[in-house]
């Protein structure tokens, strides 16, 4: 699933990144753009080679497997890096299985080897290996009752990742409530666990981006937010606080949207001036490529319907006023722009939990929100319907 937008995201652990196949979702720090899932790589001729697994003691095998994570040289391309990663994962699975065959469950290397196998199978599944995905889920199920709390927790997390990826690939939402409950239960067991917290946050964000999954997204935020609030981990607690804004945004359809602030020219914005108009609220920034790409379509719709009662209000998430002023002048943007200069900390954006831009919200003549996703063709269709009798 590809979402061409920029978003507020934390640097996720490898475990959590695997949830959506490279599609990043909700968190709390600087922006990145969502990317497409990686395809199964083909090793280029003369590329990095993963040495074969040697014979050795369990300790020697583990040292060899961990050493593979540092290639002899830097990959020359993304394709070469992915091919090397695939080879490392396959060899690491072999190493883990050899170690597990030689050590007892109470041996200090057992849990380490089990984790190596889990993570390596997940890495293989991420490159498109369906059998590895099945093997990972099967193996994880054998570990959920492990006497090692850390190993059991990792197995449970990876099972959630596996089930979430299955839900995403099939676009079947029947399993969403159970997935949310299991994640909440795992989070409640340790509200301070950063990996589980990020997994929960990402899962809620994925539902938010899926068509027809708005109710599940809201339920996820409602389930996870109160648990986050009990955490003594400052970052997790902050993530939980942002959920209130997200729920506020998800609840907007059919309800009024409050907008207040200062315009780019320094004057106060008066929302009452929009009464009786169809209004598009655009959360954007000059550094956001998808936001800039959307502007020509917005200008077309503005020129077509402005005289009939259509208005656009831009809310800039830039920090540099001069950059916004220069961009607005060059692009000849005719609608009002709110500017606070606080980036992602913009008051309106924070109030509505905006974590990805462009976010275009369409408001009807009655002042109630019609849709949270008025981009591209969707905007044109909505406006054609709203103004079909306007002549």
Protein backbone atom coordinates (compact mmCIF):
# COMPACT_ATOMS: atom_id res chain seq x y z
CA UNK A 1 0.00 0.00 0.00
CA UNK A 2 1.49 3.32 -1.07
CA UNK A 3 0.55 6.64 0.47
CA UNK A 4 2.22 9.55 -1.28
CA UNK A 5 2.41 12.01 1.55
CA UNK A 6 4.82 13.40 4.09
CA UNK A 7 4.38 12.57 7.73
CA UNK A 8 5.54 13.05 11.30
CA UNK A 9 7.34 9.83 12.13
CA UNK A 10 9.83 8.45 14.61
CA UNK A 11 12.81 6.35 13.56
CA UNK A 12 11.22 2.94 13.99
CA UNK A 13 12.91 -0.26 15.11
CA UNK A 14 13.37 -2.93 12.41
CA UNK A 15 10.63 -4.96 14.07
CA UNK A 16 8.06 -2.21 13.77
CA UNK A 17 9.05 -1.18 10.25
CA UNK A 18 8.16 -4.64 9.06
CA UNK A 19 4.53 -4.10 9.97
CA UNK A 20 3.65 -2.27 6.80
CA UNK A 21 6.36 -3.29 4.39
CA UNK A 22 8.17 0.02 4.41
CA UNK A 23 5.12 2.28 4.69
CA UNK A 24 5.77 4.56 7.62
CA UNK A 25 2.93 5.76 9.79
CA UNK A 26 2.09 7.78 12.91
CA UNK A 27 4.65 8.78 15.56
CA UNK A 28 6.23 11.92 16.91
CA UNK A 29 9.40 13.21 15.24
CA UNK A 30 10.65 14.68 11.94
CA UNK A 31 8.91 14.12 8.66
CA UNK A 32 9.67 11.46 6.09
CA UNK A 33 7.77 10.50 2.96
CA UNK A 34 6.10 7.14 2.73
CA UNK A 35 7.75 4.77 0.28
CA UNK A 36 6.72 1.73 -1.70
CA UNK A 37 7.30 -1.75 -0.31
CA UNK A 38 10.53 -3.32 -1.46
CA UNK A 39 10.34 -5.87 -4.25
CA UNK A 40 12.20 -9.17 -4.04
CA UNK A 41 15.75 -8.27 -5.06
CA UNK A 42 17.92 -10.07 -7.55
CA UNK A 43 21.58 -10.17 -6.68
CA UNK A 44 23.56 -8.17 -9.26
CA UNK A 45 26.54 -9.77 -10.93
CA UNK A 46 29.69 -9.11 -8.95
CA UNK A 47 27.71 -7.85 -5.96
CA UNK A 48 28.31 -8.37 -2.28
CA UNK A 49 28.47 -12.05 -1.45
CA UNK A 50 27.40 -13.68 1.78
CA UNK A 51 29.93 -16.33 2.77
CA UNK A 52 28.62 -19.85 3.38
CA UNK A 53 27.89 -20.94 6.91
CA UNK A 54 30.95 -22.64 8.40
CA UNK A 55 31.09 -25.50 10.84
CA UNK A 56 31.66 -24.51 14.43
CA UNK A 57 30.47 -24.37 17.99
CA UNK A 58 27.20 -22.58 18.85
CA UNK A 59 29.24 -19.60 20.03
CA UNK A 60 31.22 -19.50 16.78
CA UNK A 61 28.06 -19.79 14.67
CA UNK A 62 26.39 -16.95 16.53
CA UNK A 63 29.46 -14.73 16.16
CA UNK A 64 29.57 -15.53 12.43
CA UNK A 65 25.88 -14.73 11.93
CA UNK A 66 26.07 -11.43 13.81
CA UNK A 67 29.20 -10.51 11.88
CA UNK A 68 27.30 -10.76 8.60
CA UNK A 69 25.39 -7.62 9.50
CA UNK A 70 28.52 -5.61 8.76
CA UNK A 71 29.40 -6.19 5.08
CA UNK A 72 32.99 -6.03 3.91
CA UNK A 73 32.15 -2.90 1.94
CA UNK A 74 29.23 -0.54 1.52
CA UNK A 75 26.60 -1.66 -1.03
CA UNK A 76 26.78 0.29 -4.30
CA UNK A 77 23.03 0.36 -4.81
CA UNK A 78 19.74 -0.23 -3.07
CA UNK A 79 19.31 -3.44 -5.07
CA UNK A 80 22.69 -4.71 -3.93
CA UNK A 81 21.89 -3.86 -0.33
CA UNK A 82 18.58 -5.70 -0.48
CA UNK A 83 20.16 -8.73 -2.11
CA UNK A 84 22.82 -8.84 0.59
CA UNK A 85 20.18 -8.47 3.30
CA UNK A 86 18.29 -11.40 1.84
CA UNK A 87 21.42 -13.54 1.82
CA UNK A 88 22.27 -12.57 5.40
CA UNK A 89 18.78 -13.48 6.56
CA UNK A 90 18.83 -16.90 4.87
CA UNK A 91 22.26 -17.74 6.29
CA UNK A 92 21.27 -16.47 9.73
CA UNK A 93 18.25 -18.80 9.76
CA UNK A 94 20.60 -21.71 9.03
CA UNK A 95 22.96 -20.60 11.80
CA UNK A 96 20.13 -20.24 14.30
CA UNK A 97 18.76 -23.68 13.51
CA UNK A 98 22.19 -25.28 13.92
CA UNK A 99 22.65 -23.55 17.27
CA UNK A 100 19.18 -24.54 18.49
CA UNK A 101 19.89 -28.16 17.58
CA UNK A 102 22.98 -28.13 19.79
CA UNK A 103 21.87 -26.21 22.88
CA UNK A 104 19.33 -26.88 25.60
CA UNK A 105 16.42 -24.49 26.33
CA UNK A 106 18.14 -23.25 29.47
CA UNK A 107 21.41 -22.52 27.66
CA UNK A 108 22.25 -18.82 27.46
CA UNK A 109 22.49 -19.04 23.65
CA UNK A 110 19.04 -20.59 23.20
CA UNK A 111 17.01 -17.40 23.46
CA UNK A 112 19.53 -15.46 21.40
CA UNK A 113 19.38 -18.06 18.63
CA UNK A 114 15.58 -18.16 18.76
CA UNK A 115 15.42 -14.40 18.36
CA UNK A 116 17.90 -14.57 15.50
CA UNK A 117 15.71 -17.11 13.73
CA UNK A 118 12.54 -15.08 14.25
CA UNK A 119 14.06 -11.83 13.06
CA UNK A 120 15.76 -13.45 10.08
CA UNK A 121 12.59 -15.20 8.94
CA UNK A 122 10.75 -11.92 9.21
CA UNK A 123 13.46 -10.20 7.18
CA UNK A 124 13.13 -12.87 4.48
CA UNK A 125 9.37 -12.52 4.42
CA UNK A 126 9.85 -8.80 3.97
CA UNK A 127 11.70 -9.46 0.70
CA UNK A 128 8.72 -11.40 -0.65
CA UNK A 129 9.49 -14.91 0.61
CA UNK A 130 6.01 -16.28 1.39
CA UNK A 131 7.35 -19.52 2.86
CA UNK A 132 9.52 -17.55 5.29
CA UNK A 133 6.45 -15.62 6.42
CA UNK A 134 4.62 -18.88 7.11
CA UNK A 135 7.64 -20.37 8.86
CA UNK A 136 8.04 -17.27 11.02
CA UNK A 137 4.42 -17.35 12.18
CA UNK A 138 4.60 -21.08 12.87
CA UNK A 139 7.80 -20.76 14.86
CA UNK A 140 6.58 -17.71 16.77
CA UNK A 141 3.53 -19.64 17.94
CA UNK A 142 5.84 -22.18 19.60
CA UNK A 143 7.48 -19.40 21.60
CA UNK A 144 4.55 -17.39 22.96
CA UNK A 145 4.57 -19.51 26.13
CA UNK A 146 8.35 -19.53 26.46
CA UNK A 147 9.67 -19.38 30.04
CA UNK A 148 11.74 -16.44 28.82
CA UNK A 149 9.50 -13.35 29.13
CA UNK A 150 11.58 -11.40 26.59
CA UNK A 151 11.41 -14.18 24.00
CA UNK A 152 7.68 -14.72 24.53
CA UNK A 153 7.07 -10.99 24.15
CA UNK A 154 9.02 -10.82 20.90
CA UNK A 155 7.13 -13.82 19.55
CA UNK A 156 3.79 -12.21 20.38
CA UNK A 157 4.85 -8.96 18.73
CA UNK A 158 5.96 -10.74 15.58
CA UNK A 159 2.67 -12.64 15.41
CA UNK A 160 0.86 -9.31 15.56
CA UNK A 161 3.11 -8.04 12.77
CA UNK A 162 2.37 -11.14 10.71
CA UNK A 163 -1.39 -10.87 11.21
CA UNK A 164 -1.34 -7.15 10.46
CA UNK A 165 0.52 -7.72 7.21
CA UNK A 166 -2.00 -10.40 6.24
CA UNK A 167 -4.85 -8.00 6.95
CA UNK A 168 -3.18 -5.35 4.81
CA UNK A 169 -2.48 -7.68 1.92
CA UNK A 170 -6.06 -9.02 1.80
CA UNK A 171 -7.74 -5.68 2.67
CA UNK A 172 -10.07 -7.76 4.85
CA UNK A 173 -10.99 -5.92 8.03
CA UNK A 174 -12.83 -8.74 9.80
CA UNK A 175 -9.77 -9.41 11.94
CA UNK A 176 -9.23 -5.78 12.91
CA UNK A 177 -11.06 -5.85 16.29
CA UNK A 178 -9.11 -8.92 17.45
CA UNK A 179 -5.83 -7.38 16.28
CA UNK A 180 -6.57 -4.19 18.20
CA UNK A 181 -7.50 -6.12 21.36
CA UNK A 182 -4.38 -8.31 21.26
CA UNK A 183 -2.19 -5.27 20.75
CA UNK A 184 -3.89 -3.43 23.62
CA UNK A 185 -3.46 -6.46 25.89
CA UNK A 186 0.23 -6.69 25.03
CA UNK A 187 0.67 -2.96 25.60
CA UNK A 188 -1.23 -3.08 28.90
CA UNK A 189 1.14 -5.78 30.15
CA UNK A 190 3.98 -3.24 29.92
CA UNK A 191 2.99 0.34 29.04
CA UNK A 192 6.67 1.31 29.08
CA UNK A 193 7.71 -1.06 26.31
CA UNK A 194 8.75 1.20 23.42
CA UNK A 195 8.61 -1.48 20.70
CA UNK A 196 5.07 -2.52 21.57
CA UNK A 197 4.01 1.12 21.88
CA UNK A 198 5.39 1.93 18.44
CA UNK A 199 3.72 -1.15 17.01
CA UNK A 200 0.40 -0.04 18.49
CA UNK A 201 0.84 3.49 17.15
CA UNK A 202 1.74 2.24 13.71
CA UNK A 203 -1.17 -0.16 13.61
CA UNK A 204 -3.62 2.64 14.43
CA UNK A 205 -2.03 4.77 11.73
CA UNK A 206 -2.35 2.01 9.16
CA UNK A 207 -6.07 1.69 9.87
CA UNK A 208 -6.34 5.46 9.54
CA UNK A 209 -4.90 5.29 6.02
CA UNK A 210 -6.98 2.34 4.83
CA UNK A 211 -10.23 3.05 2.98
CA UNK A 212 -13.34 2.23 5.04
CA UNK A 213 -11.26 1.58 8.17
CA UNK A 214 -11.95 4.85 9.95
CA UNK A 215 -14.00 3.18 12.69
CA UNK A 216 -11.22 0.69 13.37
CA UNK A 217 -8.67 3.52 13.48
CA UNK A 218 -10.78 5.40 16.03
CA UNK A 219 -11.23 2.23 18.11
CA UNK A 220 -7.48 1.63 18.05
CA UNK A 221 -6.70 5.15 19.23
CA UNK A 222 -9.36 4.84 21.95
CA UNK A 223 -7.93 1.50 23.09
CA UNK A 224 -4.27 2.50 23.09
CA UNK A 225 -4.49 6.09 24.29
CA UNK A 226 -5.49 5.41 27.93
CA UNK A 227 -2.74 2.78 28.21
CA UNK A 228 -0.14 5.18 26.84
CA UNK A 229 -1.28 7.71 29.43
CA UNK A 230 -0.20 5.33 32.23
CA UNK A 231 3.34 4.99 30.88
CA UNK A 232 6.27 6.51 32.73
CA UNK A 233 8.17 6.65 29.43
CA UNK A 234 7.97 10.32 28.41
CA UNK A 235 7.96 9.60 24.67
CA UNK A 236 5.20 7.01 24.93
CA UNK A 237 3.15 9.33 27.13
CA UNK A 238 3.57 12.12 24.58
CA UNK A 239 2.43 9.81 21.78
CA UNK A 240 -0.66 9.02 23.81
CA UNK A 241 -1.42 12.70 24.28
CA UNK A 242 -1.39 13.20 20.51
CA UNK A 243 -4.11 10.55 20.16
CA UNK A 244 -6.71 13.00 21.49
CA UNK A 245 -6.12 15.23 18.49
CA UNK A 246 -6.25 12.30 16.10
CA UNK A 247 -9.58 11.17 17.54
CA UNK A 248 -10.83 14.75 17.25
CA UNK A 249 -9.95 14.73 13.54
CA UNK A 250 -11.43 11.29 12.87
CA UNK A 251 -14.66 12.47 14.48
CA UNK A 252 -14.96 15.53 12.23
CA UNK A 253 -17.15 14.14 9.41
CA UNK A 254 -20.67 15.43 10.01
CA UNK A 255 -19.47 17.97 12.59
CA UNK A 256 -18.07 21.53 12.50
CA UNK A 257 -14.34 22.20 12.30
CA UNK A 258 -12.84 25.01 14.34
CA UNK A 259 -10.15 27.09 12.63
CA UNK A 260 -8.39 30.01 14.22
CA UNK A 261 -5.03 31.65 13.90
CA UNK A 262 -3.06 34.34 12.11
CA UNK A 263 -2.81 34.81 8.37
CA UNK A 264 0.47 35.10 6.52
CA UNK A 265 0.12 38.90 6.44
CA UNK A 266 -0.18 39.02 10.24
CA UNK A 267 -3.91 39.68 10.48
CA UNK A 268 -6.28 37.49 12.48
CA UNK A 269 -8.24 34.88 10.57
CA UNK A 270 -12.02 35.19 10.84
CA UNK A 271 -13.78 31.86 10.29
CA UNK A 272 -17.14 33.63 10.23
CA UNK A 273 -16.20 35.00 6.80
CA UNK A 274 -16.59 31.45 5.46
CA UNK A 275 -20.23 31.08 6.52
CA UNK A 276 -22.36 29.55 3.81
CA UNK A 277 -19.37 28.59 1.66
CA UNK A 278 -17.90 25.24 0.67
CA UNK A 279 -14.41 25.28 2.19
CA UNK A 280 -11.33 23.19 1.57
CA UNK A 281 -8.85 23.23 4.46
CA UNK A 282 -5.35 22.33 3.27
CA UNK A 283 -2.64 21.38 5.77
CA UNK A 284 0.54 21.70 3.72
CA UNK A 285 4.17 22.90 3.61
CA UNK A 286 6.53 24.19 0.95
CA UNK A 287 8.97 21.33 1.65
CA UNK A 288 6.31 18.68 1.07
CA UNK A 289 6.52 17.45 -2.54
CA UNK A 290 3.05 15.85 -2.61
CA UNK A 291 1.59 19.07 -1.17
CA UNK A 292 3.16 21.15 -3.93
CA UNK A 293 2.02 18.63 -6.55
CA UNK A 294 -1.58 19.00 -5.36
CA UNK A 295 -1.67 22.80 -5.78
CA UNK A 296 -2.34 22.92 -9.57
CA UNK A 297 -5.45 20.79 -9.07
CA UNK A 298 -6.58 23.04 -6.22
CA UNK A 299 -6.06 26.15 -8.34
CA UNK A 300 -8.13 24.60 -11.16
CA UNK A 301 -10.99 23.86 -8.77
CA UNK A 302 -10.68 27.28 -7.15
CA UNK A 303 -10.95 29.07 -10.49
CA UNK A 304 -13.90 26.88 -11.47
CA UNK A 305 -15.98 27.25 -8.32
CA UNK A 306 -14.74 30.26 -6.34
CA UNK A 307 -17.33 32.61 -7.80
CA UNK A 308 -20.00 30.06 -6.90
CA UNK A 309 -19.07 29.94 -3.22
CA UNK A 310 -15.93 27.81 -2.94
CA UNK A 311 -13.01 28.88 -0.73
CA UNK A 312 -9.71 27.34 0.24
CA UNK A 313 -7.85 27.96 3.50
CA UNK A 314 -4.24 26.85 3.64
CA UNK A 315 -2.58 26.04 6.96
CA UNK A 316 1.18 26.07 6.50
CA UNK A 317 3.36 23.78 8.59
CA UNK A 318 6.48 25.69 7.56
CA UNK A 319 8.74 27.48 10.01
CA UNK A 320 10.23 29.98 7.54
CA UNK A 321 7.80 32.81 6.80
CA UNK A 322 9.91 34.16 3.94
CA UNK A 323 9.90 30.77 2.24
CA UNK A 324 6.11 30.62 2.39
CA UNK A 325 5.70 34.19 1.18
CA UNK A 326 8.03 33.57 -1.73
CA UNK A 327 6.30 30.32 -2.66
CA UNK A 328 2.80 31.84 -2.49
CA UNK A 329 3.89 34.73 -4.68
CA UNK A 330 5.59 32.53 -7.26
CA UNK A 331 2.77 29.97 -7.40
CA UNK A 332 0.18 32.78 -7.45
CA UNK A 333 -1.88 31.15 -4.72
CA UNK A 334 -5.04 33.26 -4.29
CA UNK A 335 -6.49 31.84 -1.08
CA UNK A 336 -5.69 32.82 2.54
CA UNK A 337 -2.82 31.04 4.31
CA UNK A 338 -2.61 30.62 8.08
CA UNK A 339 0.97 30.67 9.36
CA UNK A 340 2.19 30.13 12.91
CA UNK A 341 5.81 29.31 12.12
CA UNK A 342 5.79 26.27 14.43
CA UNK A 343 6.04 23.47 11.88
CA UNK A 344 4.34 20.31 13.10
CA UNK A 345 3.56 22.20 16.30
CA UNK A 346 1.09 24.46 14.50
CA UNK A 347 -1.84 24.94 16.93
CA UNK A 348 -4.58 23.91 14.48
CA UNK A 349 -2.54 20.93 13.24
CA UNK A 350 -1.86 19.82 16.81
CA UNK A 351 -5.50 20.25 17.80
CA UNK A 352 -6.57 17.88 15.03
CA UNK A 353 -3.67 15.46 15.35
CA UNK A 354 -2.28 16.09 11.87
CA UNK A 355 0.60 13.64 11.34
CA UNK A 356 0.70 13.49 7.54
CA UNK A 357 0.41 16.08 4.81
CA UNK A 358 -1.14 17.04 2.52
CA UNK A 359 -4.29 16.65 4.59
CA UNK A 360 -7.25 18.16 2.76
CA UNK A 361 -10.54 18.46 4.62
CA UNK A 362 -13.71 19.52 2.81
CA UNK A 363 -16.42 21.44 4.69
CA UNK A 364 -19.97 21.89 3.39
CA UNK A 365 -22.08 25.04 3.27
CA UNK A 366 -23.65 24.09 6.61
CA UNK A 367 -20.23 24.24 8.28
CA UNK A 368 -19.98 20.48 8.79
CA UNK A 369 -17.09 18.40 7.48
CA UNK A 370 -17.90 16.26 4.45
CA UNK A 371 -14.66 14.31 4.04
CA UNK A 372 -11.13 14.17 5.43
CA UNK A 373 -9.65 13.04 2.12
CA UNK A 374 -10.42 15.62 -0.57
CA UNK A 375 -7.42 15.10 -2.84
CA UNK A 376 -7.08 14.92 -6.60
CA UNK A 377 -10.06 13.39 -8.37
CA UNK A 378 -11.91 13.02 -5.08
CA UNK A 379 -11.99 16.80 -4.67
CA UNK A 380 -13.21 17.33 -8.23
CA UNK A 381 -16.02 14.79 -7.76
CA UNK A 382 -17.14 16.26 -4.44
CA UNK A 383 -17.21 19.81 -5.82
CA UNK A 384 -19.04 18.75 -8.99
CA UNK A 385 -21.76 17.27 -6.78
CA UNK A 386 -21.92 20.22 -4.41
CA UNK A 387 -22.12 22.78 -7.22
CA UNK A 388 -24.18 20.81 -9.73
CA UNK A 389 -27.10 23.25 -9.38
CA UNK A 390 -24.96 26.38 -9.21
CA UNK A 391 -25.16 27.03 -12.95
